[in-house]
Amino acid sequence: MEIKLNNPYAQEELKAQVALMQVIDPELNVNIVDLGLVYGVDFSTEGQIIVRMTLSTPHCPMGDAIEQGVLNVLRQTFPDRTPSIQLVWEPEWNFNMISEAGKEQLNLL
């Protein structure tokens, strides 16, 4: 998830990123941000948050739990906004999207 500091919503995006780091993939025990599953968060529509994200596979057995976790942490962090998830499959997730911290947690380094 890339945050551009010249974006008028950069502060909200950073706050959302920190919140989303609380959502842990139950199978890998790594947060979804470090896994590279979150592609972006859109605050441009008043009263809404749209999370553009993917899952490791279209049939991820923990997909529902991850999505519910995303909605829960964003509702807690931004009570004045309604979160929604835009699940996308392009670009397709792969291990190269995992952050250095995530790779460390998975002993991939």
N, C-alpha and C. Protein backbone atom coordinates (compact mmCIF):
# COMPACT_ATOMS: atom_id res chain seq x y z
N MET A 1 0.86 -1.17 0.00
CA MET A 1 0.00 0.00 0.00
C MET A 1 0.90 1.23 0.00
N GLU A 2 0.84 1.98 -1.05
CA GLU A 2 1.67 3.18 -1.19
C GLU A 2 0.87 4.41 -0.79
N ILE A 3 1.47 5.25 0.06
CA ILE A 3 0.83 6.49 0.49
C ILE A 3 1.65 7.64 -0.07
N LYS A 4 1.01 8.48 -0.87
CA LYS A 4 1.68 9.65 -1.44
C LYS A 4 1.40 10.84 -0.54
N LEU A 5 2.45 11.47 -0.07
CA LEU A 5 2.30 12.55 0.89
C LEU A 5 1.61 13.79 0.33
N ASN A 6 1.59 13.93 -0.99
CA ASN A 6 0.91 15.09 -1.58
C ASN A 6 -0.59 14.84 -1.77
N ASN A 7 -1.04 13.64 -1.45
CA ASN A 7 -2.46 13.30 -1.51
C ASN A 7 -3.17 14.02 -0.36
N PRO A 8 -4.29 14.69 -0.61
CA PRO A 8 -4.99 15.39 0.48
C PRO A 8 -5.50 14.46 1.58
N TYR A 9 -5.55 13.16 1.31
CA TYR A 9 -6.02 12.19 2.30
C TYR A 9 -4.88 11.36 2.88
N ALA A 10 -3.65 11.82 2.72
CA ALA A 10 -2.49 11.05 3.18
C ALA A 10 -2.56 10.73 4.66
N GLN A 11 -2.99 11.67 5.47
CA GLN A 11 -3.06 11.45 6.91
C GLN A 11 -4.07 10.34 7.24
N GLU A 12 -5.23 10.37 6.58
CA GLU A 12 -6.23 9.34 6.78
C GLU A 12 -5.74 7.98 6.28
N GLU A 13 -5.03 7.99 5.14
CA GLU A 13 -4.51 6.75 4.59
C GLU A 13 -3.50 6.11 5.55
N LEU A 14 -2.64 6.94 6.14
CA LEU A 14 -1.67 6.42 7.11
C LEU A 14 -2.37 5.82 8.32
N LYS A 15 -3.38 6.52 8.81
CA LYS A 15 -4.17 6.03 9.94
C LYS A 15 -4.85 4.70 9.58
N ALA A 16 -5.36 4.60 8.37
CA ALA A 16 -6.00 3.37 7.91
C ALA A 16 -4.98 2.25 7.80
N GLN A 17 -3.80 2.56 7.30
CA GLN A 17 -2.75 1.55 7.16
C GLN A 17 -2.39 0.97 8.53
N VAL A 18 -2.24 1.83 9.51
CA VAL A 18 -1.92 1.36 10.87
C VAL A 18 -3.05 0.47 11.39
N ALA A 19 -4.29 0.88 11.16
CA ALA A 19 -5.44 0.08 11.59
C ALA A 19 -5.46 -1.27 10.89
N LEU A 20 -5.21 -1.27 9.59
CA LEU A 20 -5.26 -2.51 8.82
C LEU A 20 -4.15 -3.48 9.20
N MET A 21 -3.09 -2.97 9.81
CA MET A 21 -2.01 -3.84 10.27
C MET A 21 -2.46 -4.69 11.46
N GLN A 22 -3.62 -4.39 12.01
CA GLN A 22 -4.19 -5.21 13.08
C GLN A 22 -4.91 -6.44 12.54
N VAL A 23 -5.18 -6.45 11.24
CA VAL A 23 -5.88 -7.58 10.62
C VAL A 23 -4.82 -8.62 10.23
N ILE A 24 -4.89 -9.76 10.88
CA ILE A 24 -3.90 -10.82 10.69
C ILE A 24 -4.49 -11.94 9.84
N ASP A 25 -3.73 -12.37 8.84
CA ASP A 25 -4.13 -13.54 8.07
C ASP A 25 -4.02 -14.74 9.00
N PRO A 26 -5.14 -15.42 9.29
CA PRO A 26 -5.12 -16.51 10.27
C PRO A 26 -4.23 -17.69 9.87
N GLU A 27 -4.02 -17.89 8.59
CA GLU A 27 -3.20 -19.03 8.15
C GLU A 27 -1.71 -18.73 8.24
N LEU A 28 -1.33 -17.49 7.91
CA LEU A 28 0.09 -17.14 7.86
C LEU A 28 0.56 -16.38 9.10
N ASN A 29 -0.39 -15.88 9.89
CA ASN A 29 -0.09 -15.13 11.11
C ASN A 29 0.74 -13.87 10.83
N VAL A 30 0.45 -13.22 9.72
CA VAL A 30 1.10 -11.95 9.32
C VAL A 30 -0.02 -10.99 8.94
N ASN A 31 0.17 -9.70 9.22
CA ASN A 31 -0.88 -8.74 8.91
C ASN A 31 -1.02 -8.56 7.40
N ILE A 32 -2.22 -8.14 7.00
CA ILE A 32 -2.54 -8.07 5.57
C ILE A 32 -1.79 -6.97 4.83
N VAL A 33 -1.33 -5.95 5.55
CA VAL A 33 -0.54 -4.89 4.91
C VAL A 33 0.83 -5.44 4.54
N ASP A 34 1.50 -6.10 5.50
CA ASP A 34 2.81 -6.67 5.22
C ASP A 34 2.75 -7.82 4.22
N LEU A 35 1.61 -8.48 4.13
CA LEU A 35 1.46 -9.53 3.11
C LEU A 35 1.28 -8.93 1.72
N GLY A 36 0.98 -7.64 1.64
CA GLY A 36 0.79 -7.00 0.33
C GLY A 36 -0.60 -7.19 -0.24
N LEU A 37 -1.56 -7.52 0.63
CA LEU A 37 -2.93 -7.75 0.15
C LEU A 37 -3.72 -6.46 -0.04
N VAL A 38 -3.29 -5.37 0.61
CA VAL A 38 -4.00 -4.10 0.51
C VAL A 38 -3.32 -3.25 -0.56
N TYR A 39 -4.07 -2.91 -1.60
CA TYR A 39 -3.52 -2.12 -2.70
C TYR A 39 -3.75 -0.62 -2.51
N GLY A 40 -4.80 -0.25 -1.80
CA GLY A 40 -5.06 1.17 -1.58
C GLY A 40 -6.33 1.39 -0.79
N VAL A 41 -6.43 2.61 -0.24
CA VAL A 41 -7.60 3.01 0.53
C VAL A 41 -8.04 4.37 0.00
N ASP A 42 -9.32 4.48 -0.37
CA ASP A 42 -9.85 5.69 -0.99
C ASP A 42 -10.80 6.41 -0.02
N PHE A 43 -10.45 7.66 0.29
CA PHE A 43 -11.25 8.49 1.18
C PHE A 43 -11.96 9.61 0.43
N SER A 44 -11.93 9.61 -0.89
CA SER A 44 -12.41 10.75 -1.67
C SER A 44 -13.93 10.92 -1.67
N THR A 45 -14.68 9.88 -1.34
CA THR A 45 -16.13 9.98 -1.26
C THR A 45 -16.52 10.26 0.18
N GLU A 46 -17.20 11.37 0.41
CA GLU A 46 -17.56 11.77 1.77
C GLU A 46 -18.35 10.67 2.48
N GLY A 47 -17.92 10.39 3.71
CA GLY A 47 -18.62 9.41 4.53
C GLY A 47 -18.30 7.97 4.22
N GLN A 48 -17.36 7.73 3.30
CA GLN A 48 -17.03 6.37 2.91
C GLN A 48 -15.53 6.12 2.94
N ILE A 49 -15.17 4.85 3.05
CA ILE A 49 -13.79 4.39 2.86
C ILE A 49 -13.90 3.17 1.94
N ILE A 50 -13.16 3.19 0.86
CA ILE A 50 -13.16 2.05 -0.04
C ILE A 50 -11.76 1.44 -0.02
N VAL A 51 -11.68 0.19 0.40
CA VAL A 51 -10.41 -0.52 0.46
C VAL A 51 -10.29 -1.38 -0.79
N ARG A 52 -9.24 -1.14 -1.54
CA ARG A 52 -8.97 -1.95 -2.73
C ARG A 52 -7.93 -2.98 -2.31
N MET A 53 -8.33 -4.24 -2.35
CA MET A 53 -7.44 -5.28 -1.86
C MET A 53 -7.67 -6.58 -2.61
N THR A 54 -6.82 -7.55 -2.32
CA THR A 54 -6.93 -8.87 -2.91
C THR A 54 -6.78 -9.90 -1.80
N LEU A 55 -6.86 -11.13 -2.17
CA LEU A 55 -6.56 -12.25 -1.27
C LEU A 55 -5.49 -13.09 -1.95
N SER A 56 -4.88 -13.99 -1.21
CA SER A 56 -3.80 -14.79 -1.80
C SER A 56 -4.29 -15.65 -2.96
N THR A 57 -5.55 -16.10 -2.87
CA THR A 57 -6.18 -16.85 -3.97
C THR A 57 -7.66 -16.49 -4.00
N PRO A 58 -8.32 -16.63 -5.15
CA PRO A 58 -9.75 -16.34 -5.22
C PRO A 58 -10.59 -17.21 -4.28
N HIS A 59 -10.09 -18.39 -3.94
CA HIS A 59 -10.85 -19.30 -3.07
C HIS A 59 -10.20 -19.40 -1.69
N CYS A 60 -9.59 -18.31 -1.25
CA CYS A 60 -8.93 -18.29 0.06
C CYS A 60 -9.92 -18.71 1.15
N PRO A 61 -9.60 -19.75 1.90
CA PRO A 61 -10.55 -20.23 2.91
C PRO A 61 -10.77 -19.24 4.06
N MET A 62 -9.85 -18.31 4.24
CA MET A 62 -9.98 -17.34 5.32
C MET A 62 -10.42 -15.96 4.79
N GLY A 63 -10.83 -15.91 3.53
CA GLY A 63 -11.22 -14.64 2.91
C GLY A 63 -12.30 -13.90 3.66
N ASP A 64 -13.35 -14.60 4.06
CA ASP A 64 -14.44 -13.94 4.77
C ASP A 64 -13.97 -13.36 6.10
N ALA A 65 -13.14 -14.10 6.81
CA ALA A 65 -12.62 -13.63 8.11
C ALA A 65 -11.73 -12.40 7.92
N ILE A 66 -10.91 -12.41 6.89
CA ILE A 66 -10.04 -11.26 6.62
C ILE A 66 -10.88 -10.04 6.26
N GLU A 67 -11.86 -10.21 5.38
CA GLU A 67 -12.72 -9.09 4.99
C GLU A 67 -13.47 -8.54 6.20
N GLN A 68 -13.99 -9.40 7.05
CA GLN A 68 -14.70 -8.94 8.25
C GLN A 68 -13.75 -8.18 9.18
N GLY A 69 -12.52 -8.65 9.29
CA GLY A 69 -11.53 -7.95 10.10
C GLY A 69 -11.25 -6.56 9.57
N VAL A 70 -11.15 -6.42 8.24
CA VAL A 70 -10.93 -5.11 7.62
C VAL A 70 -12.08 -4.17 7.97
N LEU A 71 -13.30 -4.63 7.78
CA LEU A 71 -14.46 -3.79 8.06
C LEU A 71 -14.52 -3.41 9.54
N ASN A 72 -14.23 -4.35 10.42
CA ASN A 72 -14.27 -4.08 11.86
C ASN A 72 -13.27 -3.01 12.29
N VAL A 73 -12.00 -3.15 11.86
CA VAL A 73 -11.00 -2.17 12.31
C VAL A 73 -11.26 -0.79 11.71
N LEU A 74 -11.77 -0.74 10.50
CA LEU A 74 -12.04 0.57 9.89
C LEU A 74 -13.26 1.24 10.53
N ARG A 75 -14.25 0.45 10.91
CA ARG A 75 -15.41 1.03 11.62
C ARG A 75 -14.98 1.61 12.97
N GLN A 76 -14.09 0.91 13.65
CA GLN A 76 -13.59 1.39 14.94
C GLN A 76 -12.73 2.64 14.78
N THR A 77 -11.90 2.66 13.76
CA THR A 77 -10.95 3.76 13.56
C THR A 77 -11.61 4.99 12.96
N PHE A 78 -12.59 4.78 12.09
CA PHE A 78 -13.28 5.87 11.40
C PHE A 78 -14.79 5.73 11.60
N PRO A 79 -15.29 6.00 12.79
CA PRO A 79 -16.72 5.79 13.07
C PRO A 79 -17.65 6.67 12.23
N ASP A 80 -17.13 7.74 11.66
CA ASP A 80 -17.95 8.64 10.84
C ASP A 80 -17.97 8.25 9.37
N ARG A 81 -17.34 7.13 9.01
CA ARG A 81 -17.30 6.68 7.62
C ARG A 81 -17.77 5.23 7.53
N THR A 82 -18.32 4.89 6.38
CA THR A 82 -18.77 3.52 6.12
C THR A 82 -17.74 2.83 5.24
N PRO A 83 -17.10 1.78 5.76
CA PRO A 83 -16.09 1.10 4.94
C PRO A 83 -16.72 0.07 4.00
N SER A 84 -16.08 -0.11 2.86
CA SER A 84 -16.45 -1.17 1.94
C SER A 84 -15.17 -1.71 1.30
N ILE A 85 -15.27 -2.90 0.77
CA ILE A 85 -14.11 -3.56 0.18
C ILE A 85 -14.35 -3.78 -1.30
N GLN A 86 -13.37 -3.37 -2.09
CA GLN A 86 -13.36 -3.66 -3.52
C GLN A 86 -12.32 -4.77 -3.71
N LEU A 87 -12.79 -6.00 -3.83
CA LEU A 87 -11.90 -7.14 -3.99
C LEU A 87 -11.50 -7.25 -5.45
N VAL A 88 -10.19 -7.24 -5.70
CA VAL A 88 -9.68 -7.28 -7.07
C VAL A 88 -8.70 -8.44 -7.23
N TRP A 89 -8.51 -8.86 -8.46
CA TRP A 89 -7.60 -9.97 -8.73
C TRP A 89 -6.48 -9.56 -9.67
N GLU A 90 -6.44 -8.28 -10.01
CA GLU A 90 -5.35 -7.72 -10.84
C GLU A 90 -4.80 -6.50 -10.12
N PRO A 91 -3.54 -6.41 -9.87
CA PRO A 91 -2.56 -7.44 -10.16
C PRO A 91 -2.73 -8.64 -9.24
N GLU A 92 -2.41 -9.79 -9.78
CA GLU A 92 -2.51 -11.03 -9.01
C GLU A 92 -1.47 -11.03 -7.90
N TRP A 93 -1.90 -11.41 -6.70
CA TRP A 93 -0.99 -11.43 -5.56
C TRP A 93 0.07 -12.51 -5.76
N ASN A 94 1.31 -12.20 -5.31
CA ASN A 94 2.37 -13.19 -5.30
C ASN A 94 3.32 -12.89 -4.15
N PHE A 95 4.23 -13.79 -3.86
CA PHE A 95 5.12 -13.65 -2.71
C PHE A 95 6.02 -12.41 -2.78
N ASN A 96 6.25 -11.89 -3.97
CA ASN A 96 7.08 -10.69 -4.11
C ASN A 96 6.41 -9.45 -3.52
N MET A 97 5.12 -9.52 -3.26
CA MET A 97 4.38 -8.38 -2.70
C MET A 97 4.52 -8.30 -1.18
N ILE A 98 5.09 -9.31 -0.56
CA ILE A 98 5.26 -9.31 0.88
C ILE A 98 6.39 -8.35 1.25
N SER A 99 6.14 -7.52 2.27
CA SER A 99 7.15 -6.56 2.72
C SER A 99 8.32 -7.29 3.37
N GLU A 100 9.42 -6.57 3.59
CA GLU A 100 10.57 -7.16 4.27
C GLU A 100 10.18 -7.66 5.66
N ALA A 101 9.36 -6.86 6.37
CA ALA A 101 8.91 -7.27 7.71
C ALA A 101 8.09 -8.55 7.63
N GLY A 102 7.24 -8.65 6.63
CA GLY A 102 6.43 -9.85 6.46
C GLY A 102 7.29 -11.05 6.12
N LYS A 103 8.30 -10.85 5.28
CA LYS A 103 9.20 -11.96 4.92
C LYS A 103 9.97 -12.43 6.15
N GLU A 104 10.37 -11.50 6.99
CA GLU A 104 11.04 -11.87 8.23
C GLU A 104 10.14 -12.74 9.09
N GLN A 105 8.87 -12.32 9.25
CA GLN A 105 7.94 -13.08 10.06
C GLN A 105 7.69 -14.48 9.51
N LEU A 106 7.78 -14.62 8.20
CA LEU A 106 7.56 -15.91 7.55
C LEU A 106 8.86 -16.70 7.36
N ASN A 107 9.97 -16.14 7.88
CA ASN A 107 11.30 -16.76 7.75
C ASN A 107 11.69 -16.98 6.29
N LEU A 108 11.36 -15.99 5.44
CA LEU A 108 11.70 -16.07 4.02
C LEU A 108 13.00 -15.35 3.68
N LEU A 109 13.60 -14.70 4.67
CA LEU A 109 14.85 -13.97 4.42
C LEU A 109 16.04 -14.81 4.82
